[in-house]
Amino acid sequence: MKTNQAKNLETNELVLTTELLILPDGQILVHNLTQPFAELLKELNPDCEQISSRVPRPASLTNEFPN
């Protein structure tokens, strides 16, 4: 039997939702771009600056100077 506290923890889980619309001309519109979804989109289109700006750099690169 679950306690009330355990039930509350289950119902208070964080849900991440991203809405994606692909237009007939290939343009992609995204609402509420979450970090996990941005990482996925970056794999599909690594040259897109808007998506890349939403993906954090690895910790090993944060102290390096930009090129």
N, C-alpha and C. Protein backbone atom coordinates (compact mmCIF):
# COMPACT_ATOMS: atom_id res chain seq x y z
N MET A 1 0.85 -1.18 0.00
CA MET A 1 0.00 0.00 0.00
C MET A 1 0.89 1.25 0.00
N LYS A 2 0.61 2.19 -0.85
CA LYS A 2 1.40 3.41 -0.94
C LYS A 2 0.88 4.45 0.04
N THR A 3 1.81 5.22 0.58
CA THR A 3 1.41 6.29 1.48
C THR A 3 0.94 7.48 0.68
N ASN A 4 0.28 8.42 1.34
CA ASN A 4 -0.16 9.65 0.66
C ASN A 4 1.03 10.42 0.11
N GLN A 5 2.14 10.42 0.85
CA GLN A 5 3.32 11.14 0.39
C GLN A 5 3.84 10.52 -0.91
N ALA A 6 3.89 9.21 -0.98
CA ALA A 6 4.35 8.54 -2.20
C ALA A 6 3.42 8.85 -3.37
N LYS A 7 2.12 8.88 -3.13
CA LYS A 7 1.18 9.23 -4.19
C LYS A 7 1.40 10.65 -4.66
N ASN A 8 1.64 11.58 -3.73
CA ASN A 8 1.89 12.97 -4.10
C ASN A 8 3.15 13.12 -4.92
N LEU A 9 4.20 12.36 -4.60
CA LEU A 9 5.44 12.43 -5.37
C LEU A 9 5.20 11.97 -6.81
N GLU A 10 4.37 10.95 -6.98
CA GLU A 10 4.08 10.46 -8.33
C GLU A 10 3.29 11.48 -9.14
N THR A 11 2.37 12.16 -8.53
CA THR A 11 1.53 13.11 -9.26
C THR A 11 2.24 14.44 -9.49
N ASN A 12 3.31 14.72 -8.76
CA ASN A 12 4.05 15.98 -8.90
C ASN A 12 5.27 15.84 -9.80
N GLU A 13 5.36 14.77 -10.57
CA GLU A 13 6.50 14.58 -11.45
C GLU A 13 6.52 15.68 -12.51
N LEU A 14 7.72 16.09 -12.87
CA LEU A 14 7.90 17.11 -13.88
C LEU A 14 7.68 16.50 -15.26
N VAL A 15 6.80 17.10 -16.03
CA VAL A 15 6.52 16.64 -17.38
C VAL A 15 7.03 17.69 -18.36
N LEU A 16 7.90 17.27 -19.27
CA LEU A 16 8.43 18.17 -20.28
C LEU A 16 7.68 17.94 -21.58
N THR A 17 7.14 19.01 -22.15
CA THR A 17 6.36 18.89 -23.38
C THR A 17 6.89 19.88 -24.41
N THR A 18 7.18 19.38 -25.60
CA THR A 18 7.58 20.21 -26.73
C THR A 18 6.58 19.98 -27.84
N GLU A 19 6.11 21.07 -28.45
CA GLU A 19 5.19 20.96 -29.58
C GLU A 19 5.98 21.27 -30.85
N LEU A 20 5.82 20.44 -31.85
CA LEU A 20 6.58 20.54 -33.09
C LEU A 20 5.61 20.55 -34.26
N LEU A 21 5.79 21.51 -35.17
CA LEU A 21 4.97 21.61 -36.38
C LEU A 21 5.90 21.66 -37.58
N ILE A 22 5.77 20.71 -38.48
CA ILE A 22 6.56 20.69 -39.70
C ILE A 22 5.67 21.16 -40.83
N LEU A 23 6.03 22.28 -41.44
CA LEU A 23 5.24 22.86 -42.52
C LEU A 23 5.54 22.18 -43.85
N PRO A 24 4.66 22.30 -44.83
CA PRO A 24 4.88 21.64 -46.14
C PRO A 24 6.18 22.04 -46.83
N ASP A 25 6.67 23.27 -46.56
CA ASP A 25 7.92 23.70 -47.19
C ASP A 25 9.16 23.22 -46.43
N GLY A 26 8.95 22.43 -45.37
CA GLY A 26 10.07 21.89 -44.60
C GLY A 26 10.45 22.71 -43.39
N GLN A 27 9.87 23.90 -43.25
CA GLN A 27 10.16 24.73 -42.09
C GLN A 27 9.61 24.05 -40.85
N ILE A 28 10.38 24.13 -39.75
CA ILE A 28 9.97 23.51 -38.50
C ILE A 28 9.72 24.60 -37.47
N LEU A 29 8.54 24.56 -36.86
CA LEU A 29 8.20 25.49 -35.79
C LEU A 29 8.13 24.70 -34.49
N VAL A 30 8.74 25.24 -33.43
CA VAL A 30 8.78 24.54 -32.16
C VAL A 30 8.28 25.47 -31.07
N HIS A 31 7.43 24.95 -30.21
CA HIS A 31 6.93 25.68 -29.05
C HIS A 31 7.40 24.96 -27.81
N ASN A 32 7.95 25.70 -26.85
CA ASN A 32 8.44 25.15 -25.60
C ASN A 32 9.54 24.12 -25.84
N LEU A 33 10.61 24.56 -26.50
CA LEU A 33 11.73 23.67 -26.80
C LEU A 33 12.47 23.30 -25.53
N THR A 34 12.39 22.05 -25.15
CA THR A 34 13.06 21.57 -23.95
C THR A 34 14.49 21.15 -24.30
N GLN A 35 15.35 21.09 -23.31
CA GLN A 35 16.73 20.72 -23.55
C GLN A 35 16.87 19.33 -24.18
N PRO A 36 16.17 18.31 -23.68
CA PRO A 36 16.31 16.99 -24.32
C PRO A 36 15.88 17.00 -25.79
N PHE A 37 14.82 17.74 -26.11
CA PHE A 37 14.37 17.78 -27.50
C PHE A 37 15.33 18.60 -28.35
N ALA A 38 15.90 19.66 -27.78
CA ALA A 38 16.89 20.46 -28.50
C ALA A 38 18.11 19.61 -28.85
N GLU A 39 18.51 18.75 -27.93
CA GLU A 39 19.64 17.86 -28.20
C GLU A 39 19.33 16.92 -29.35
N LEU A 40 18.11 16.42 -29.41
CA LEU A 40 17.69 15.55 -30.51
C LEU A 40 17.69 16.31 -31.83
N LEU A 41 17.11 17.51 -31.84
CA LEU A 41 17.06 18.30 -33.07
C LEU A 41 18.45 18.71 -33.54
N LYS A 42 19.36 18.96 -32.59
CA LYS A 42 20.74 19.33 -32.96
C LYS A 42 21.41 18.18 -33.70
N GLU A 43 21.12 16.95 -33.31
CA GLU A 43 21.67 15.79 -34.02
C GLU A 43 21.17 15.76 -35.46
N LEU A 44 19.92 16.18 -35.67
CA LEU A 44 19.34 16.17 -37.02
C LEU A 44 19.82 17.34 -37.87
N ASN A 45 20.10 18.49 -37.22
CA ASN A 45 20.52 19.69 -37.95
C ASN A 45 21.58 20.42 -37.13
N PRO A 46 22.83 19.95 -37.14
CA PRO A 46 23.87 20.53 -36.29
C PRO A 46 24.26 21.97 -36.66
N ASP A 47 23.90 22.44 -37.85
CA ASP A 47 24.28 23.78 -38.28
C ASP A 47 23.29 24.87 -37.86
N CYS A 48 22.16 24.49 -37.27
CA CYS A 48 21.14 25.47 -36.89
C CYS A 48 21.55 26.17 -35.59
N GLU A 49 21.82 27.47 -35.68
CA GLU A 49 22.27 28.23 -34.52
C GLU A 49 21.18 28.35 -33.45
N GLN A 50 19.91 28.46 -33.86
CA GLN A 50 18.83 28.60 -32.89
C GLN A 50 18.71 27.36 -32.01
N ILE A 51 18.87 26.21 -32.61
CA ILE A 51 18.80 24.97 -31.83
C ILE A 51 20.08 24.81 -31.00
N SER A 52 21.22 25.04 -31.61
CA SER A 52 22.50 24.88 -30.90
C SER A 52 22.59 25.76 -29.67
N SER A 53 21.98 26.93 -29.73
CA SER A 53 22.04 27.84 -28.58
C SER A 53 21.25 27.31 -27.39
N ARG A 54 20.34 26.36 -27.62
CA ARG A 54 19.53 25.79 -26.54
C ARG A 54 20.17 24.56 -25.91
N VAL A 55 21.26 24.07 -26.51
CA VAL A 55 21.94 22.88 -25.99
C VAL A 55 23.18 23.34 -25.25
N PRO A 56 23.28 23.04 -23.96
CA PRO A 56 24.45 23.48 -23.19
C PRO A 56 25.72 22.80 -23.68
N ARG A 57 26.81 23.54 -23.59
CA ARG A 57 28.10 22.99 -23.96
C ARG A 57 28.57 22.03 -22.89
N PRO A 58 29.36 21.02 -23.25
CA PRO A 58 29.90 20.11 -22.24
C PRO A 58 30.74 20.88 -21.22
N ALA A 59 30.75 20.42 -19.99
CA ALA A 59 31.47 21.10 -18.91
C ALA A 59 32.94 21.30 -19.24
N SER A 60 33.52 20.39 -19.99
CA SER A 60 34.94 20.50 -20.32
C SER A 60 35.22 21.67 -21.27
N LEU A 61 34.20 22.18 -21.96
CA LEU A 61 34.39 23.27 -22.91
C LEU A 61 33.95 24.63 -22.39
N THR A 62 33.35 24.70 -21.22
CA THR A 62 32.79 25.97 -20.75
C THR A 62 33.85 26.99 -20.40
N ASN A 63 35.06 26.57 -20.12
CA ASN A 63 36.12 27.51 -19.75
C ASN A 63 37.04 27.86 -20.91
N GLU A 64 36.74 27.36 -22.08
CA GLU A 64 37.56 27.65 -23.24
C GLU A 64 37.08 28.94 -23.90
N PHE A 65 38.01 29.59 -24.60
CA PHE A 65 37.68 30.80 -25.33
C PHE A 65 37.01 30.44 -26.64
N PRO A 66 36.03 31.24 -27.11
CA PRO A 66 35.42 30.96 -28.41
C PRO A 66 36.40 31.18 -29.53
N ASN A 67 36.21 30.47 -30.65
CA ASN A 67 37.10 30.62 -31.81
C ASN A 67 36.90 31.93 -32.49
